[in-house]
């Protein structure tokens, strides 16, 4: 059975590198017309787009509802609207709760929780009209297990799981599915900067004993975007080597 993504318009936020770029590449390989989004770095976004034949890009901060509206209007004009939305953009600030400034707390929630709300809200009318749509939210083990020193990130990801489940209930009757994918420890440019002793300690918690790859996360997301997953909605799929098995 084909995945059924040929010609579908897919918007991937936070797509200039790492998991987001891998998702965009996999969707494009399945025939989707991919739009890559990043908040600020036009040069990095252009470089990422150049690696995907036929892809386009849109700079816009998902935390800013006006920027999201501009981005979605542009996609509507050029491609006819969004069929697939992958909410991958994220931000994290390290720090104990008692030392966290309210501004830092709010900034993380604005990107990690408000951003998916703004983007999902913006694409839903078109999906409802077409009676087809896929929304996949990228969450984190922190949203399930908590994370000391990153409470704002954990709270935002836990909230995003709640948004996923609630929105799935609202739009199921229109042929729209809403799911979450929960990557574990993934080998990316950012994780390579983590100190070796911390990486070793983290990997000890993973039954499979290794980092995942961006491509492995992308495979799961592309499945949820496909016709093969038409009866899957409101789910949180852990792709984490067994990290959140409890």
Foldseek 3Di string as FASTA:
>chain_A
DQQPQALAEEEFEPCLFFLNLLLQQVSVVSHYAYEYEYADDPVSNVVSQVVRPNHHYAHHQLLDLVRLLVVQVVCCVPRNAHAEYELDDFDWDFAAPVPDDPVRLVVRLSRLAVSVVSNCVVRVVVLLVVLHHEYEYEAEVCLVPNDGRTNSNNVNRVVVLVVQLVVQVVCLVSLYAGEYEYEAAEDTPVVVPDDPVVVQVRLVLAPVSDHHYSNQSSVVVSSRGGPVVSVDHSYYHYPYNCNNVD
